[in-house]
């Protein structure tokens, strides 16, 4: 045995191996999609190259997650890489299928484009905060709503909470931070959730205020996903982070990101969709 002091947990080992098999299969699928995209020229070359690059880097992050023993920076990076790959594949799908209901960007995009970009950045930052919370085992540091229990402000420690490198540790399983930094991470994630909810809600309102059907539809999807995410976040607190709810919260974040990304695609690339749609209809 290479590690005689460590015990093997069969259930976790099986989950890890299944995850690796699925990751390998996904990698092969992404390579195939990228190859077909390049060969048929149905999607921009940059999208195919980006998907291939992300999946390769994801494999490296998966390896480093094990070899560096759950270093929080790597764990968070692995999570963000998964979200990035999911988003890239969605972009490839949208580009391949074309947008059949292009919007008249001359009427609404000038005012909505900056807000769409801001919303996307805010959602990505909130997802990163969620990954940092999870990778530092800070998800259960606050058990009351809306922010935290007790005199939480006196325990705030931003210097250590968001310090990327903590020398002197060879294993980060179950976390290495004290209560103060972990609580600070959790509080930051909750405040970030409030800010994100407000920003997304305003963006949803502005999407629904226009007459464009595609944007209206995306706005309603964003609104529904936002409500689900809020409910899942509250459930994580009330029920002490049950695994099913935690996984659903991650999935909800991915779907919310995709809906915001799709709204950005509708607003920032209408000309391409209009021209491609016209060419397709003529053919």
Protein backbone atom coordinates (compact mmCIF):
# COMPACT_ATOMS: atom_id res chain seq x y z
CA UNK A 1 0.00 0.00 0.00
CA UNK A 2 1.33 3.43 -0.95
CA UNK A 3 -0.61 5.20 1.81
CA UNK A 4 -0.89 2.82 4.80
CA UNK A 5 -2.24 5.56 7.09
CA UNK A 6 -5.24 6.31 4.88
CA UNK A 7 -8.45 4.29 4.78
CA UNK A 8 -10.30 3.58 1.55
CA UNK A 9 -13.99 4.54 1.54
CA UNK A 10 -15.51 2.27 -1.08
CA UNK A 11 -18.61 4.38 -1.78
CA UNK A 12 -16.59 7.56 -2.32
CA UNK A 13 -14.07 5.65 -4.44
CA UNK A 14 -16.84 4.38 -6.71
CA UNK A 15 -18.30 7.87 -7.06
CA UNK A 16 -14.86 9.21 -7.94
CA UNK A 17 -14.26 6.53 -10.57
CA UNK A 18 -17.72 7.01 -12.11
CA UNK A 19 -17.01 10.75 -12.27
CA UNK A 20 -13.74 10.04 -14.09
CA UNK A 21 -15.41 7.72 -16.59
CA UNK A 22 -18.08 10.31 -17.35
CA UNK A 23 -15.41 13.02 -17.62
CA UNK A 24 -13.46 10.89 -20.11
CA UNK A 25 -16.58 10.23 -22.18
CA UNK A 26 -17.45 13.93 -22.12
CA UNK A 27 -13.98 14.81 -23.31
CA UNK A 28 -14.29 12.47 -26.29
CA UNK A 29 -17.70 13.95 -27.15
CA UNK A 30 -16.34 17.49 -26.98
CA UNK A 31 -13.45 16.55 -29.28
CA UNK A 32 -15.93 15.02 -31.73
CA UNK A 33 -18.21 18.08 -31.62
CA UNK A 34 -15.24 20.40 -32.16
CA UNK A 35 -13.96 18.29 -35.08
CA UNK A 36 -17.38 18.24 -36.75
CA UNK A 37 -17.82 21.97 -36.13
CA UNK A 38 -14.49 22.75 -37.78
CA UNK A 39 -15.08 20.36 -40.68
CA UNK A 40 -18.60 21.54 -41.49
CA UNK A 41 -17.90 25.21 -40.67
CA UNK A 42 -21.34 25.50 -39.06
CA UNK A 43 -19.90 27.19 -35.99
CA UNK A 44 -17.06 29.71 -35.65
CA UNK A 45 -13.60 28.21 -35.33
CA UNK A 46 -13.07 30.06 -32.05
CA UNK A 47 -15.95 28.19 -30.39
CA UNK A 48 -14.61 24.76 -31.38
CA UNK A 49 -11.08 25.64 -30.29
CA UNK A 50 -12.36 27.11 -27.00
CA UNK A 51 -14.35 23.96 -26.17
CA UNK A 52 -11.32 21.76 -26.86
CA UNK A 53 -9.02 23.97 -24.80
CA UNK A 54 -11.45 24.10 -21.87
CA UNK A 55 -11.94 20.33 -21.73
CA UNK A 56 -8.16 19.75 -21.79
CA UNK A 57 -7.63 22.29 -19.02
CA UNK A 58 -10.51 20.72 -17.09
CA UNK A 59 -8.70 17.38 -17.23
CA UNK A 60 -5.59 19.03 -15.81
CA UNK A 61 -7.61 20.70 -13.04
CA UNK A 62 -9.18 17.33 -12.21
CA UNK A 63 -5.73 15.82 -11.88
CA UNK A 64 -4.47 18.72 -9.75
CA UNK A 65 -7.55 18.46 -7.53
CA UNK A 66 -6.31 14.99 -6.54
CA UNK A 67 -2.55 15.57 -6.53
CA UNK A 68 -2.78 18.90 -4.68
CA UNK A 69 -5.29 17.36 -2.26
CA UNK A 70 -8.28 19.66 -2.73
CA UNK A 71 -6.40 22.96 -2.82
CA UNK A 72 -9.33 25.45 -2.79
CA UNK A 73 -8.03 27.49 -5.73
CA UNK A 74 -7.90 24.38 -7.91
CA UNK A 75 -11.26 23.08 -6.70
CA UNK A 76 -12.93 26.41 -7.45
CA UNK A 77 -11.16 26.57 -10.82
CA UNK A 78 -12.41 23.07 -11.63
CA UNK A 79 -15.97 24.15 -10.86
CA UNK A 80 -15.67 27.31 -12.96
CA UNK A 81 -14.15 25.27 -15.77
CA UNK A 82 -17.22 23.05 -15.75
CA UNK A 83 -19.49 26.07 -15.99
CA UNK A 84 -17.32 27.49 -18.78
CA UNK A 85 -17.49 24.23 -20.76
CA UNK A 86 -21.26 24.05 -20.27
CA UNK A 87 -21.60 27.63 -21.52
CA UNK A 88 -19.28 27.02 -24.49
CA UNK A 89 -21.25 23.95 -25.57
CA UNK A 90 -24.46 25.97 -25.31
CA UNK A 91 -22.91 28.66 -27.53
CA UNK A 92 -21.95 26.01 -30.08
CA UNK A 93 -25.51 24.68 -30.05
CA UNK A 94 -27.01 28.15 -30.54
CA UNK A 95 -24.57 28.91 -33.35
CA UNK A 96 -25.25 25.58 -35.07
CA UNK A 97 -29.04 25.80 -34.83
CA UNK A 98 -29.22 29.51 -35.62
CA UNK A 99 -31.57 31.91 -33.93
CA UNK A 100 -34.91 31.62 -35.79
CA UNK A 101 -36.43 34.64 -34.10
CA UNK A 102 -33.86 37.46 -34.39
CA UNK A 103 -34.49 40.72 -32.58
CA UNK A 104 -34.56 44.25 -33.89
CA UNK A 105 -31.48 45.40 -31.99
CA UNK A 106 -31.76 48.96 -33.29
CA UNK A 107 -34.75 49.56 -31.02
CA UNK A 108 -33.69 48.00 -27.73
CA UNK A 109 -30.09 46.80 -27.64
CA UNK A 110 -28.44 50.18 -27.08
CA UNK A 111 -29.89 50.46 -23.57
CA UNK A 112 -30.03 46.76 -22.72
CA UNK A 113 -26.58 45.63 -23.86
CA UNK A 114 -24.61 47.19 -20.95
CA UNK A 115 -27.09 45.83 -18.40
CA UNK A 116 -26.94 42.38 -20.01
CA UNK A 117 -23.14 42.38 -19.80
CA UNK A 118 -23.24 43.59 -16.17
CA UNK A 119 -25.73 40.86 -15.25
CA UNK A 120 -23.52 38.20 -16.82
CA UNK A 121 -20.46 39.43 -14.90
CA UNK A 122 -22.39 39.55 -11.61
CA UNK A 123 -23.73 36.01 -12.07
CA UNK A 124 -20.25 34.67 -12.89
CA UNK A 125 -18.77 36.38 -9.81
CA UNK A 126 -21.53 34.93 -7.62
CA UNK A 127 -20.85 31.45 -8.99
CA UNK A 128 -17.16 31.95 -8.20
CA UNK A 129 -18.12 32.97 -4.65
CA UNK A 130 -20.20 29.83 -4.38
CA UNK A 131 -17.26 27.73 -5.54
CA UNK A 132 -14.98 29.43 -3.01
CA UNK A 133 -17.55 28.79 -0.28
CA UNK A 134 -17.77 25.11 -1.17
CA UNK A 135 -14.04 24.53 -1.64
CA UNK A 136 -13.31 26.06 1.79
CA UNK A 137 -16.09 24.04 3.49
CA UNK A 138 -17.85 27.23 4.53
CA UNK A 139 -21.38 26.31 3.47
CA UNK A 140 -22.57 25.61 7.03
CA UNK A 141 -20.92 28.54 8.80
CA UNK A 142 -24.18 30.49 9.09
CA UNK A 143 -27.39 28.73 10.05
CA UNK A 144 -29.84 31.64 10.25
CA UNK A 145 -31.32 34.10 7.76
CA UNK A 146 -30.89 36.53 6.13
CA UNK A 147 -27.13 37.01 6.72
CA UNK A 148 -25.77 35.16 9.76
CA UNK A 149 -26.44 34.57 13.43
CA UNK A 150 -25.01 36.41 16.42
CA UNK A 151 -22.48 39.24 16.25
CA UNK A 152 -21.18 38.06 12.89
CA UNK A 153 -19.68 41.43 11.94
CA UNK A 154 -17.08 41.14 14.72
CA UNK A 155 -15.76 37.90 13.15
CA UNK A 156 -15.23 39.25 9.65
CA UNK A 157 -11.74 38.45 8.34
CA UNK A 158 -11.45 39.32 4.67
CA UNK A 159 -7.64 39.15 4.67
CA UNK A 160 -7.59 35.40 5.32
CA UNK A 161 -10.96 34.57 3.79
CA UNK A 162 -9.86 35.42 0.27
CA UNK A 163 -6.18 34.60 0.56
CA UNK A 164 -5.45 32.20 -2.29
CA UNK A 165 -2.30 30.57 -0.91
CA UNK A 166 -1.93 29.25 2.63
CA UNK A 167 1.57 27.75 2.96
CA UNK A 168 2.34 24.94 5.39
CA UNK A 169 -0.49 22.57 4.48
CA UNK A 170 -0.21 19.39 2.43
CA UNK A 171 -3.92 18.43 2.59
CA UNK A 172 -6.93 20.75 2.33
CA UNK A 173 -9.69 18.18 2.86
CA UNK A 174 -12.39 19.53 5.22
CA UNK A 175 -10.76 22.98 5.06
CA UNK A 176 -7.89 24.67 6.85
CA UNK A 177 -9.44 28.07 7.69
CA UNK A 178 -10.65 29.16 11.12
CA UNK A 179 -14.24 30.12 11.85
CA UNK A 180 -13.77 33.84 11.11
CA UNK A 181 -12.50 33.49 7.53
CA UNK A 182 -15.00 30.75 6.69
CA UNK A 183 -17.87 32.78 8.10
CA UNK A 184 -16.66 35.77 6.09
CA UNK A 185 -16.72 33.71 2.89
CA UNK A 186 -20.23 32.52 3.67
CA UNK A 187 -21.45 36.05 4.44
CA UNK A 188 -19.88 37.34 1.23
CA UNK A 189 -21.71 34.65 -0.72
CA UNK A 190 -25.03 35.57 0.89
CA UNK A 191 -24.58 39.29 0.27
CA UNK A 192 -23.51 38.42 -3.27
CA UNK A 193 -26.72 36.42 -3.65
CA UNK A 194 -28.81 39.43 -2.65
CA UNK A 195 -26.94 41.69 -5.09
CA UNK A 196 -27.20 39.09 -7.85
CA UNK A 197 -30.93 38.63 -7.27
CA UNK A 198 -31.50 42.39 -7.54
CA UNK A 199 -29.40 42.78 -10.69
CA UNK A 200 -31.00 39.79 -12.41
CA UNK A 201 -34.48 40.96 -11.37
CA UNK A 202 -33.91 44.40 -12.94
CA UNK A 203 -32.57 42.78 -16.11
CA UNK A 204 -35.59 40.45 -16.23
CA UNK A 205 -37.94 43.43 -15.87
CA UNK A 206 -36.23 45.23 -18.72
CA UNK A 207 -36.34 42.12 -20.92
CA UNK A 208 -40.07 41.73 -20.27
CA UNK A 209 -40.75 45.43 -20.85
CA UNK A 210 -39.97 45.16 -24.56
CA UNK A 211 -42.06 43.62 -27.31
CA UNK A 212 -39.47 41.15 -28.62
CA UNK A 213 -40.76 37.60 -28.11
CA UNK A 214 -37.40 35.83 -27.93
CA UNK A 215 -36.16 38.24 -25.28
CA UNK A 216 -39.46 38.04 -23.37
CA UNK A 217 -39.22 34.24 -23.32
CA UNK A 218 -35.64 34.34 -22.05
CA UNK A 219 -36.65 36.88 -19.41
CA UNK A 220 -39.38 34.60 -18.05
CA UNK A 221 -36.93 31.69 -17.94
CA UNK A 222 -34.43 33.83 -16.02
CA UNK A 223 -37.13 34.89 -13.58
CA UNK A 224 -38.23 31.29 -12.93
CA UNK A 225 -34.65 30.09 -12.45
CA UNK A 226 -33.92 33.00 -10.12
CA UNK A 227 -36.88 32.07 -7.91
CA UNK A 228 -35.78 28.42 -7.88
CA UNK A 229 -32.22 29.40 -6.96
CA UNK A 230 -33.41 31.57 -4.08
CA UNK A 231 -35.58 28.71 -2.83
CA UNK A 232 -32.72 26.22 -3.07
CA UNK A 233 -30.33 28.58 -1.29
CA UNK A 234 -32.78 29.07 1.58
CA UNK A 235 -33.37 25.30 1.71
CA UNK A 236 -29.63 24.71 2.06
CA UNK A 237 -29.68 26.86 5.19
CA UNK A 238 -32.91 25.54 6.71
CA UNK A 239 -32.10 21.85 6.13
CA UNK A 240 -28.32 21.99 6.78
CA UNK A 241 -27.08 21.44 3.24
CA UNK A 242 -28.66 18.13 2.13
CA UNK A 243 -26.67 16.70 -0.77
CA UNK A 244 -29.64 16.65 -3.16
CA UNK A 245 -30.44 20.32 -2.56
CA UNK A 246 -26.75 21.29 -2.83
CA UNK A 247 -26.44 19.54 -6.20
CA UNK A 248 -29.69 21.14 -7.40
CA UNK A 249 -28.32 24.54 -6.32
CA UNK A 250 -25.26 24.00 -8.53
CA UNK A 251 -27.44 22.92 -11.44
CA UNK A 252 -29.70 25.92 -10.92
CA UNK A 253 -26.69 28.24 -11.03
CA UNK A 254 -25.57 26.67 -14.31
CA UNK A 255 -29.01 27.07 -15.88
CA UNK A 256 -29.33 30.65 -14.65
CA UNK A 257 -25.93 31.42 -16.15
CA UNK A 258 -27.05 29.91 -19.45
CA UNK A 259 -30.24 31.96 -19.53
CA UNK A 260 -28.32 35.19 -18.90
CA UNK A 261 -25.76 34.18 -21.51
CA UNK A 262 -28.52 33.51 -24.02
CA UNK A 263 -29.98 36.95 -23.39
CA UNK A 264 -26.53 38.41 -24.10
CA UNK A 265 -26.29 36.41 -27.32
CA UNK A 266 -29.66 37.74 -28.44
CA UNK A 267 -28.60 41.30 -27.71
CA UNK A 268 -24.98 41.32 -28.84
CA UNK A 269 -25.12 39.15 -31.97
CA UNK A 270 -28.42 39.93 -33.70
CA UNK A 271 -26.85 40.89 -37.00
CA UNK A 272 -25.14 37.54 -37.39
CA UNK A 273 -28.33 35.68 -36.54
CA UNK A 274 -30.39 37.80 -38.94
CA UNK A 275 -28.01 37.24 -41.85
CA UNK A 276 -27.58 33.52 -41.15
CA UNK A 277 -31.32 33.06 -40.81
CA UNK A 278 -31.97 34.84 -44.10
CA UNK A 279 -29.38 32.69 -45.88
CA UNK A 280 -30.88 29.53 -44.39
CA UNK A 281 -34.41 30.49 -45.41
CA UNK A 282 -33.27 31.27 -48.97
CA UNK A 283 -31.61 27.88 -49.23
